[in-house]
């Protein structure tokens, strides 16, 4: 049965009612805009009155009389000065307007984009932090992320910079593979290209992920404030070691956290091994060590690459030799081996006679060997002794004889290092891009951070003995004779070079060191 239309009078009445409502709404909005200042001032006067009543209620009774007298005096003074009441009214209205204006609410939780990222991280961790047997899982698909993530921080781009994760007690956090899977997942989901540090609290079942700031690369070679027997390998995070040294960074002076390597008779890691990729800064680290060692010791350098990276040290006071060829390197290392034996014999004879060790045995001797694999290959082709065999005596007995050995090698030839070098170089450094497995192979432990694929020269990790793995940034110590070196870094290195003991034009490049071992009898 067809529905009959509404009478015309009812339809026209409904249209007029709708128009009336629209007009009323428009009039109300217009009135609100016009009366907004008055509404703001009224709201502010109410807040000021409430604040005044609260202040009066909190005033002790014995102080209310003096307070009334003070207020009355102020009112009297304002009433007597010219334009006083008008100025007082303007001041009260301004205070009421400031007090009454509506402030934007302060955001207390994460933004929508941040909430979405946290939920994504939560869902990605569900397969690793949950088991079907758990009756009340902390991680479940579609669950609430705020129960697992109790603390979080984000950068301007919306990526997390700090995240505190609570995980169930049955997660095998003592297994390296299980932890590595979680770290890899968080690294991928939180944004690549940054360096993350993961701190596992196995007792509290918590994991803290932190994004680390880049270490400063502008600190150049300089005189560092250290004690005798201390060498600054580079700089690390501020919370890694409880010590700082003053440094000059360009025109500014600040405190930096150093990686201090201690050598000498009481050192537990008297020798150093540096491994890195080509161009990673291994030679710069050896150059920095040499400049610091020349303050109170002698330095002997054998360079296998033959590129003249240490030419600036040739003929300098305290530099015994800088050898780039096989013959010169073998002769220098043979002398170093004999010198180590001589020092041991002299110190032993002095102790047997009840005298202190001679001064020439207490002056530090540094042996710096860069790229021994190249020299070893040349020696094998020529049927001569491998230079690493000549390091056995300095490595084994160098600590007692004040002899320190520093060896630098590249990753592709690190397998050519002898057992003596591997066993006695307990101070280690890895520079340049490297996988966690490569870092663990050299340092004995994987890094506590996620290595980035691109790092500046001199950037890596260091470990002293059985201590923790620390991030490392070597001070900029380039070759001052290299045209690509900046003028500031060139001058910084030249200022640290000792005076020349023999003029370069008068020095015989074929002159070799003779063994100072005294004849028996």
Protein backbone atom coordinates (compact mmCIF):
# COMPACT_ATOMS: atom_id res chain seq x y z
CA UNK A 1 0.00 0.00 0.00
CA UNK A 2 1.54 3.36 -1.04
CA UNK A 3 2.57 5.75 1.73
CA UNK A 4 0.77 9.09 1.64
CA UNK A 5 2.96 12.24 1.59
CA UNK A 6 3.09 14.58 4.59
CA UNK A 7 0.89 17.63 4.54
CA UNK A 8 2.59 20.66 3.05
CA UNK A 9 2.23 22.70 6.17
CA UNK A 10 4.24 20.14 8.21
CA UNK A 11 7.12 19.94 5.69
CA UNK A 12 7.43 23.72 5.45
CA UNK A 13 7.35 23.94 9.25
CA UNK A 14 10.29 21.47 9.53
CA UNK A 15 12.35 23.50 7.05
CA UNK A 16 11.73 26.71 8.96
CA UNK A 17 12.73 25.03 12.22
CA UNK A 18 16.04 23.87 10.67
CA UNK A 19 16.75 27.37 9.37
CA UNK A 20 15.99 28.82 12.80
CA UNK A 21 18.43 26.42 14.46
CA UNK A 22 21.14 27.32 11.98
CA UNK A 23 20.57 31.05 12.59
CA UNK A 24 20.66 30.53 16.33
CA UNK A 25 23.91 28.56 16.08
CA UNK A 26 25.48 31.25 13.90
CA UNK A 27 24.36 33.97 16.31
CA UNK A 28 25.80 32.05 19.26
CA UNK A 29 29.15 31.62 17.51
CA UNK A 30 29.24 35.32 16.62
CA UNK A 31 28.40 36.29 20.19
CA UNK A 32 31.13 33.99 21.48
CA UNK A 33 33.68 35.63 19.19
CA UNK A 34 32.57 39.11 20.23
CA UNK A 35 32.43 38.31 23.92
CA UNK A 36 35.60 36.17 23.98
CA UNK A 37 37.75 38.90 25.64
CA UNK A 38 35.08 39.43 28.28
CA UNK A 39 34.82 35.69 28.87
CA UNK A 40 38.60 35.42 29.20
CA UNK A 41 38.79 38.30 31.68
CA UNK A 42 35.89 36.88 33.70
CA UNK A 43 37.61 33.49 33.86
CA UNK A 44 40.84 35.17 34.94
CA UNK A 45 39.07 37.21 37.65
CA UNK A 46 37.59 34.00 39.04
CA UNK A 47 41.01 32.37 39.11
CA UNK A 48 42.59 35.42 40.76
CA UNK A 49 39.80 35.52 43.34
CA UNK A 50 40.23 31.82 44.05
CA UNK A 51 43.96 32.29 44.41
CA UNK A 52 43.38 35.24 46.77
CA UNK A 53 41.00 33.22 48.93
CA UNK A 54 43.44 30.32 49.08
CA UNK A 55 46.24 32.70 50.05
CA UNK A 56 44.06 34.30 52.76
CA UNK A 57 43.03 30.90 54.11
CA UNK A 58 46.67 29.86 54.31
CA UNK A 59 47.73 33.02 56.17
CA UNK A 60 48.05 32.54 59.98
CA UNK A 61 45.56 34.51 62.05
CA UNK A 62 48.26 36.54 63.80
CA UNK A 63 49.49 37.78 60.40
CA UNK A 64 46.13 38.70 58.89
CA UNK A 65 45.99 42.11 60.64
CA UNK A 66 49.35 43.30 59.27
CA UNK A 67 48.40 41.92 55.86
CA UNK A 68 45.15 43.93 55.83
CA UNK A 69 47.05 47.04 56.90
CA UNK A 70 49.56 46.53 54.08
CA UNK A 71 46.80 46.05 51.50
CA UNK A 72 44.95 49.12 52.74
CA UNK A 73 48.12 51.21 52.55
CA UNK A 74 48.71 50.09 48.96
CA UNK A 75 45.12 50.94 48.02
CA UNK A 76 45.44 54.37 49.65
CA UNK A 77 48.69 55.13 47.84
CA UNK A 78 47.23 54.04 44.50
CA UNK A 79 44.15 56.19 45.06
CA UNK A 80 46.23 59.31 45.85
CA UNK A 81 48.74 59.19 42.96
CA UNK A 82 47.66 60.67 39.58
CA UNK A 83 45.94 58.11 37.34
CA UNK A 84 46.47 55.53 40.05
CA UNK A 85 43.02 53.91 39.95
CA UNK A 86 43.11 53.74 36.15
CA UNK A 87 46.54 52.10 36.14
CA UNK A 88 45.43 49.67 38.85
CA UNK A 89 42.36 48.72 36.82
CA UNK A 90 44.46 48.17 33.69
CA UNK A 91 46.91 46.03 35.66
CA UNK A 92 44.16 43.88 37.15
CA UNK A 93 42.50 43.43 33.74
CA UNK A 94 45.83 42.45 32.15
CA UNK A 95 46.55 39.96 34.92
CA UNK A 96 43.05 38.52 34.58
CA UNK A 97 43.45 38.23 30.78
CA UNK A 98 46.78 36.41 31.18
CA UNK A 99 45.40 34.16 33.88
CA UNK A 100 42.20 33.40 31.99
CA UNK A 101 43.44 32.58 28.52
CA UNK A 102 43.18 28.89 27.62
CA UNK A 103 46.54 27.15 27.34
CA UNK A 104 47.19 24.22 25.06
CA UNK A 105 47.11 20.96 26.99
CA UNK A 106 50.53 19.42 27.67
CA UNK A 107 51.03 16.12 25.92
CA UNK A 108 51.88 13.47 28.49
CA UNK A 109 51.98 10.36 26.31
CA UNK A 110 53.48 9.44 22.97
CA UNK A 111 52.22 11.00 19.77
CA UNK A 112 50.07 8.90 17.43
CA UNK A 113 53.03 8.14 15.17
CA UNK A 114 55.15 7.18 18.19
CA UNK A 115 52.35 4.98 19.53
CA UNK A 116 52.14 3.20 16.19
CA UNK A 117 55.90 2.57 16.19
CA UNK A 118 55.80 1.22 19.77
CA UNK A 119 52.92 -1.09 18.86
CA UNK A 120 54.90 -2.30 15.84
CA UNK A 121 57.92 -3.07 18.02
CA UNK A 122 55.68 -4.86 20.49
CA UNK A 123 54.10 -7.04 17.81
CA UNK A 124 57.51 -7.88 16.34
CA UNK A 125 58.77 -9.11 19.73
CA UNK A 126 55.78 -11.37 20.40
CA UNK A 127 57.25 -14.52 18.73
CA UNK A 128 60.43 -14.21 20.83
CA UNK A 129 58.99 -13.26 24.22
CA UNK A 130 55.96 -15.58 24.41
CA UNK A 131 55.21 -19.30 24.63
CA UNK A 132 51.86 -21.10 24.27
CA UNK A 133 52.10 -22.47 27.84
CA UNK A 134 52.08 -18.98 29.42
CA UNK A 135 48.56 -18.38 30.86
CA UNK A 136 49.08 -14.59 31.13
CA UNK A 137 51.64 -13.66 28.48
CA UNK A 138 53.31 -10.27 28.71
CA UNK A 139 53.66 -10.29 24.93
CA UNK A 140 50.65 -11.34 22.86
CA UNK A 141 49.31 -10.35 19.45
CA UNK A 142 46.93 -7.47 19.92
CA UNK A 143 48.15 -6.93 23.48
CA UNK A 144 48.95 -3.66 25.25
CA UNK A 145 52.45 -2.41 24.60
CA UNK A 146 52.53 -0.09 27.65
CA UNK A 147 52.82 -3.11 29.97
CA UNK A 148 56.11 -4.15 28.33
CA UNK A 149 57.56 -0.71 27.46
CA UNK A 150 57.71 1.33 30.67
CA UNK A 151 60.12 4.04 29.51
CA UNK A 152 60.73 5.47 26.06
CA UNK A 153 62.19 8.52 24.32
CA UNK A 154 62.01 9.67 20.70
CA UNK A 155 63.99 12.06 18.52
CA UNK A 156 62.59 14.77 16.26
CA UNK A 157 62.06 12.29 13.41
CA UNK A 158 59.90 10.01 15.56
CA UNK A 159 62.47 7.23 15.94
CA UNK A 160 63.11 5.80 19.42
CA UNK A 161 66.33 6.86 21.14
CA UNK A 162 65.77 4.99 24.40
CA UNK A 163 63.51 2.08 25.24
CA UNK A 164 63.10 0.04 28.43
CA UNK A 165 61.68 -3.42 27.71
CA UNK A 166 60.37 -5.85 30.31
CA UNK A 167 60.47 -9.46 29.18
CA UNK A 168 59.28 -12.74 30.79
CA UNK A 169 61.60 -14.62 33.12
CA UNK A 170 61.61 -17.75 30.93
CA UNK A 171 63.37 -15.96 28.05
CA UNK A 172 66.93 -17.42 27.76
CA UNK A 173 68.76 -14.11 28.16
CA UNK A 174 71.95 -15.94 29.12
CA UNK A 175 72.34 -17.35 25.60
CA UNK A 176 74.28 -15.17 23.19
CA UNK A 177 72.27 -16.30 20.16
CA UNK A 178 68.93 -15.43 21.79
CA UNK A 179 70.14 -12.00 22.77
CA UNK A 180 71.61 -11.40 19.33
CA UNK A 181 68.25 -12.12 17.67
CA UNK A 182 66.49 -9.56 19.86
CA UNK A 183 69.19 -6.95 19.29
CA UNK A 184 69.11 -7.49 15.53
CA UNK A 185 65.32 -7.16 15.47
CA UNK A 186 65.29 -3.95 17.53
CA UNK A 187 68.08 -2.52 15.39
CA UNK A 188 66.12 -3.15 12.20
CA UNK A 189 62.76 -1.93 13.53
CA UNK A 190 64.08 1.17 15.30
CA UNK A 191 65.98 2.56 12.32
CA UNK A 192 69.28 1.60 10.71
CA UNK A 193 72.30 3.85 10.34
CA UNK A 194 72.55 4.51 14.08
CA UNK A 195 74.62 2.85 16.78
CA UNK A 196 72.64 1.13 19.53
CA UNK A 197 73.74 -0.08 22.92
CA UNK A 198 71.85 -2.93 24.61
CA UNK A 199 72.12 -3.35 28.37
CA UNK A 200 70.66 -6.63 29.62
CA UNK A 201 69.57 -6.86 33.25
CA UNK A 202 69.25 -10.61 33.67
CA UNK A 203 68.30 -10.31 37.32
CA UNK A 204 65.47 -7.84 36.72
CA UNK A 205 64.40 -9.26 33.31
CA UNK A 206 64.82 -5.88 31.63
CA UNK A 207 66.53 -4.67 28.48
CA UNK A 208 67.51 -1.05 27.90
CA UNK A 209 68.11 0.02 24.30
CA UNK A 210 69.93 3.34 23.89
CA UNK A 211 71.01 5.22 20.78
CA UNK A 212 74.58 6.42 21.23
CA UNK A 213 75.84 9.78 20.07
CA UNK A 214 78.74 9.83 17.65
CA UNK A 215 82.17 10.11 19.24
CA UNK A 216 84.01 13.37 18.49
CA UNK A 217 86.29 13.18 15.46
CA UNK A 218 87.69 16.72 15.71
CA UNK A 219 90.14 16.09 18.57
CA UNK A 220 93.64 16.20 17.08
CA UNK A 221 96.94 14.91 18.43
CA UNK A 222 98.21 16.93 21.40
CA UNK A 223 99.96 16.66 24.75
CA UNK A 224 97.60 14.74 26.98
CA UNK A 225 97.68 14.99 30.76
CA UNK A 226 98.76 11.47 31.74
CA UNK A 227 101.03 9.80 34.27
CA UNK A 228 104.30 8.09 33.25
CA UNK A 229 103.57 4.80 31.55
CA UNK A 230 100.10 5.88 30.36
CA UNK A 231 99.18 6.23 26.70
CA UNK A 232 95.93 7.65 25.34
CA UNK A 233 94.68 5.34 22.60
CA UNK A 234 91.61 7.49 21.94
CA UNK A 235 88.34 8.56 23.45
CA UNK A 236 85.16 6.72 24.38
CA UNK A 237 81.73 7.24 25.95
CA UNK A 238 81.47 9.35 29.08
CA UNK A 239 80.08 6.48 31.17
CA UNK A 240 82.65 3.90 30.05
CA UNK A 241 85.51 4.92 32.39
CA UNK A 242 85.48 7.14 35.50
CA UNK A 243 88.14 9.55 34.24
CA UNK A 244 88.46 12.56 32.00
CA UNK A 245 91.38 14.53 30.58
CA UNK A 246 91.39 18.12 29.34
CA UNK A 247 91.63 18.33 25.56
CA UNK A 248 91.72 21.11 23.01
CA UNK A 249 89.06 20.69 20.32
CA UNK A 250 89.78 23.39 17.79
CA UNK A 251 89.59 26.71 19.62
CA UNK A 252 87.62 25.25 22.52
CA UNK A 253 88.79 23.37 25.58
CA UNK A 254 86.75 20.61 27.17
CA UNK A 255 87.02 17.35 29.09
CA UNK A 256 86.96 14.05 27.23
CA UNK A 257 86.82 10.44 28.41
CA UNK A 258 90.05 8.70 27.37
CA UNK A 259 90.96 5.07 26.78
CA UNK A 260 94.15 4.80 28.82
CA UNK A 261 96.61 2.01 28.07
CA UNK A 262 99.18 1.41 30.83
CA UNK A 263 102.60 -0.06 30.03
CA UNK A 264 105.70 -0.80 32.06
CA UNK A 265 106.88 -3.46 34.55
CA UNK A 266 103.54 -3.57 36.41
CA UNK A 267 101.29 -3.61 33.36
CA UNK A 268 99.02 -6.61 32.84
CA UNK A 269 98.75 -5.89 29.10
CA UNK A 270 102.20 -4.57 28.08
CA UNK A 271 101.79 -5.05 24.31
CA UNK A 272 99.18 -3.84 21.81
CA UNK A 273 97.63 -5.33 18.67
CA UNK A 274 95.70 -3.13 16.25
CA UNK A 275 93.62 -4.66 13.44
CA UNK A 276 91.58 -2.80 10.85
CA UNK A 277 90.58 -2.35 7.25
CA UNK A 278 92.67 -0.31 4.78
CA UNK A 279 92.17 3.37 5.53
CA UNK A 280 90.62 2.69 8.94
CA UNK A 281 93.26 4.60 10.90
CA UNK A 282 95.61 1.89 12.18
CA UNK A 283 98.67 3.83 11.02
CA UNK A 284 97.30 7.01 12.62
CA UNK A 285 96.95 5.16 15.92
CA UNK A 286 100.56 3.93 15.74
CA UNK A 287 101.70 7.46 14.84
CA UNK A 288 99.79 8.82 17.85
CA UNK A 289 101.36 6.20 20.13
CA UNK A 290 104.83 7.04 18.79
CA UNK A 291 104.41 10.76 19.46
CA UNK A 292 103.34 10.07 23.05
CA UNK A 293 106.12 7.52 23.58
CA UNK A 294 108.81 9.99 22.47
CA UNK A 295 108.12 12.16 25.52
CA UNK A 296 110.20 9.86 27.75
CA UNK A 297 111.31 6.90 25.62
CA UNK A 298 112.91 5.65 22.42
CA UNK A 299 110.99 4.40 19.39
CA UNK A 300 111.93 1.87 16.73
CA UNK A 301 109.60 1.65 13.69
CA UNK A 302 109.41 -1.02 10.99
CA UNK A 303 106.87 -0.37 8.25
CA UNK A 304 105.88 -3.20 5.95
CA UNK A 305 103.70 -1.26 3.52
CA UNK A 306 106.64 0.88 2.38
CA UNK A 307 104.52 3.98 1.79
CA UNK A 308 106.57 6.27 4.03
CA UNK A 309 103.77 6.94 6.54
CA UNK A 310 106.36 7.55 9.28
CA UNK A 311 108.77 9.72 7.30
CA UNK A 312 108.04 12.68 9.58
CA UNK A 313 109.74 10.79 12.45
CA UNK A 314 112.97 10.06 10.58
CA UNK A 315 116.01 11.62 12.23
CA UNK A 316 114.07 12.91 15.21
CA UNK A 317 115.44 12.80 18.73
CA UNK A 318 114.48 9.52 20.38
CA UNK A 319 113.67 7.77 17.08
CA UNK A 320 116.21 4.98 16.74
CA UNK A 321 115.20 3.95 13.23
CA UNK A 322 112.38 4.11 10.71
CA UNK A 323 112.74 1.14 8.37
CA UNK A 324 110.62 0.46 5.28
CA UNK A 325 112.69 -2.33 3.69
CA UNK A 326 113.15 -5.94 4.67
CA UNK A 327 116.87 -5.75 5.37
CA UNK A 328 116.59 -2.70 7.55
CA UNK A 329 113.59 -4.08 9.41
CA UNK A 330 115.35 -7.39 10.15
CA UNK A 331 118.49 -5.64 11.34
CA UNK A 332 116.49 -3.30 13.60
CA UNK A 333 114.44 -6.15 15.08
CA UNK A 334 117.56 -8.23 15.67
CA UNK A 335 119.03 -5.28 17.57
CA UNK A 336 115.81 -4.91 19.54
CA UNK A 337 115.93 -8.59 20.49
CA UNK A 338 119.53 -8.27 21.64
CA UNK A 339 118.76 -5.03 23.47
CA UNK A 340 115.96 -6.74 25.38
CA UNK A 341 118.35 -9.51 26.46
CA UNK A 342 120.98 -6.94 27.45
CA UNK A 343 118.50 -5.07 29.60
CA UNK A 344 117.43 -8.24 31.34
CA UNK A 345 121.04 -9.22 32.07
CA UNK A 346 121.98 -5.73 33.31
CA UNK A 347 118.93 -5.47 35.55
CA UNK A 348 119.54 -8.96 36.94
CA UNK A 349 123.20 -8.22 37.73
CA UNK A 350 122.23 -4.97 39.42
CA UNK A 351 119.65 -6.70 41.60
CA UNK A 352 122.13 -9.41 42.57
CA UNK A 353 124.59 -6.71 43.63
CA UNK A 354 121.90 -4.89 45.62
CA UNK A 355 121.90 -1.86 43.32
CA UNK A 356 119.03 -0.23 41.41
CA UNK A 357 118.65 -1.04 37.75
CA UNK A 358 120.79 1.10 35.42
CA UNK A 359 119.16 4.12 33.87
CA UNK A 360 119.53 2.80 30.33
CA UNK A 361 117.41 -0.23 31.25
CA UNK A 362 114.65 1.88 32.75
CA UNK A 363 114.16 4.14 29.73
CA UNK A 364 111.16 2.78 27.78
CA UNK A 365 111.84 1.24 24.39
CA UNK A 366 108.95 1.04 21.92
CA UNK A 367 108.93 -1.32 18.93
CA UNK A 368 106.25 -0.39 16.37
CA UNK A 369 105.69 -2.94 13.60
CA UNK A 370 103.18 -1.96 10.89
CA UNK A 371 101.98 -4.66 8.45
CA UNK A 372 104.33 -7.53 9.46
CA UNK A 373 102.58 -9.82 6.97
CA UNK A 374 104.15 -7.91 4.07
CA UNK A 375 107.60 -8.20 5.57
CA UNK A 376 106.98 -11.87 6.32
CA UNK A 377 105.99 -12.55 2.71
CA UNK A 378 109.15 -10.86 1.44
CA UNK A 379 111.27 -12.77 3.96
CA UNK A 380 109.73 -16.11 2.92
CA UNK A 381 110.36 -15.35 -0.76
CA UNK A 382 114.00 -14.46 0.01
CA UNK A 383 114.56 -17.38 2.39
CA UNK A 384 115.16 -15.14 5.40
CA UNK A 385 113.84 -15.03 8.96
CA UNK A 386 110.26 -13.92 9.51
CA UNK A 387 110.28 -10.59 11.40
CA UNK A 388 107.63 -11.91 13.79
CA UNK A 389 110.06 -14.57 15.03
CA UNK A 390 112.40 -11.79 16.13
CA UNK A 391 109.61 -10.37 18.29
CA UNK A 392 109.41 -13.43 20.54
CA UNK A 393 111.97 -12.18 23.07
CA UNK A 394 110.58 -8.60 23.30
CA UNK A 395 107.04 -9.97 23.59
CA UNK A 396 107.86 -12.53 26.27
CA UNK A 397 110.30 -10.48 28.36
CA UNK A 398 109.51 -6.93 27.32
CA UNK A 399 107.55 -6.04 30.43
CA UNK A 400 110.51 -6.72 32.72
CA UNK A 401 112.89 -4.90 30.36
CA UNK A 402 110.66 -1.84 29.76
CA UNK A 403 110.19 -2.86 26.13
CA UNK A 404 106.74 -2.39 24.56
CA UNK A 405 105.64 -3.92 21.25
CA UNK A 406 102.84 -2.51 19.09
CA UNK A 407 101.72 -4.48 16.02
CA UNK A 408 99.26 -3.29 13.37
CA UNK A 409 97.73 -5.60 10.79
CA UNK A 410 94.78 -5.70 8.39
CA UNK A 411 91.82 -8.07 8.58
CA UNK A 412 92.61 -9.88 5.34
CA UNK A 413 96.05 -10.96 6.63
CA UNK A 414 95.35 -11.28 10.35
CA UNK A 415 95.67 -15.06 10.05
CA UNK A 416 99.41 -14.63 9.33
CA UNK A 417 100.08 -13.33 12.83
CA UNK A 418 102.29 -15.67 14.84
CA UNK A 419 101.23 -17.40 18.03
CA UNK A 420 103.57 -15.21 20.07
CA UNK A 421 101.94 -12.05 18.80
CA UNK A 422 98.47 -13.38 19.50
CA UNK A 423 99.36 -14.66 22.96
CA UNK A 424 101.22 -11.64 24.33
CA UNK A 425 99.26 -8.70 22.87
CA UNK A 426 96.54 -8.54 25.52
CA UNK A 427 95.64 -4.94 24.68
CA UNK A 428 93.60 -4.99 21.47
CA UNK A 429 91.97 -2.45 19.16
CA UNK A 430 89.77 -2.93 16.09
CA UNK A 431 89.30 0.02 13.72
CA UNK A 432 87.03 0.56 10.76
CA UNK A 433 83.86 -1.26 9.67
CA UNK A 434 83.74 -4.81 11.02
CA UNK A 435 81.10 -7.40 11.76
CA UNK A 436 80.45 -8.51 15.35
CA UNK A 437 82.13 -11.84 14.54
CA UNK A 438 85.30 -10.10 13.31
CA UNK A 439 85.40 -7.89 16.38
CA UNK A 440 84.91 -10.89 18.66
CA UNK A 441 87.70 -12.78 16.89
CA UNK A 442 90.21 -10.04 17.71
CA UNK A 443 88.95 -8.75 21.06
CA UNK A 444 87.65 -12.03 22.46
CA UNK A 445 84.17 -10.57 23.04
CA UNK A 446 81.55 -9.13 20.68
CA UNK A 447 80.91 -5.38 20.87
CA UNK A 448 78.21 -4.14 23.22
CA UNK A 449 76.85 -1.93 20.44
CA UNK A 450 75.66 -2.52 16.90
CA UNK A 451 78.47 -1.63 14.46
CA UNK A 452 77.50 0.78 11.71
CA UNK A 453 78.46 0.06 8.08
CA UNK A 454 80.14 3.46 7.61
CA UNK A 455 82.48 4.90 10.23
CA UNK A 456 85.04 7.72 10.14
CA UNK A 457 88.77 6.92 10.17
CA UNK A 458 90.02 5.99 13.62
CA UNK A 459 86.63 4.74 14.81
CA UNK A 460 86.40 1.27 16.34
CA UNK A 461 86.57 -0.70 19.57
CA UNK A 462 89.22 -1.36 22.20
CA UNK A 463 89.66 -3.89 24.97
CA UNK A 464 92.42 -3.87 27.56
CA UNK A 465 93.13 -7.32 28.91
CA UNK A 466 90.01 -8.94 30.31
CA UNK A 467 88.15 -5.64 30.62
CA UNK A 468 84.99 -4.65 28.77
CA UNK A 469 84.81 -3.73 25.10
CA UNK A 470 84.75 0.07 24.70
CA UNK A 471 84.03 2.28 21.75
CA UNK A 472 87.13 4.07 20.50
CA UNK A 473 87.86 7.17 18.45
CA UNK A 474 91.54 7.72 17.75
CA UNK A 475 92.75 11.35 17.87
CA UNK A 476 93.40 12.71 14.41
CA UNK A 477 97.12 12.10 13.78
CA UNK A 478 97.61 12.21 9.98
CA UNK A 479 100.85 12.27 8.06
CA UNK A 480 101.92 15.95 8.08
CA UNK A 481 103.65 15.46 4.72
CA UNK A 482 100.43 14.32 3.03
CA UNK A 483 98.89 16.99 0.78
CA UNK A 484 95.37 15.88 1.75
CA UNK A 485 95.98 16.68 5.41
CA UNK A 486 94.23 19.77 6.74
CA UNK A 487 96.42 22.61 7.91
CA UNK A 488 95.14 22.44 11.50
CA UNK A 489 95.94 18.73 11.83
CA UNK A 490 99.29 19.18 10.09
CA UNK A 491 100.36 21.86 12.54
CA UNK A 492 99.11 19.78 15.49
CA UNK A 493 101.37 16.87 14.50
CA UNK A 494 104.37 19.06 13.63
CA UNK A 495 104.22 20.73 17.06
CA UNK A 496 104.55 17.32 18.73
CA UNK A 497 107.58 16.17 16.72
CA UNK A 498 110.88 16.23 18.64
CA UNK A 499 113.85 18.17 17.39
CA UNK A 500 115.97 16.59 14.71
CA UNK A 501 118.99 14.78 16.11
CA UNK A 502 120.61 14.43 12.68
CA UNK A 503 119.85 16.77 9.76
CA UNK A 504 117.92 14.96 7.07
CA UNK A 505 120.41 15.87 4.37
CA UNK A 506 123.35 14.49 6.42
CA UNK A 507 121.71 11.23 7.50
CA UNK A 508 122.94 7.99 5.89
CA UNK A 509 119.86 5.97 4.86
CA UNK A 510 121.96 2.74 4.82
CA UNK A 511 123.17 3.17 8.39
CA UNK A 512 121.99 0.35 10.61
CA UNK A 513 121.88 -0.01 14.36
CA UNK A 514 124.56 -2.11 15.99
CA UNK A 515 123.82 -4.45 18.86
CA UNK A 516 124.85 -2.88 22.18
CA UNK A 517 125.16 -6.28 23.88
CA UNK A 518 128.52 -6.29 25.69
CA UNK A 519 130.96 -9.06 25.00
CA UNK A 520 131.05 -11.85 27.51
CA UNK A 521 133.95 -12.13 29.79
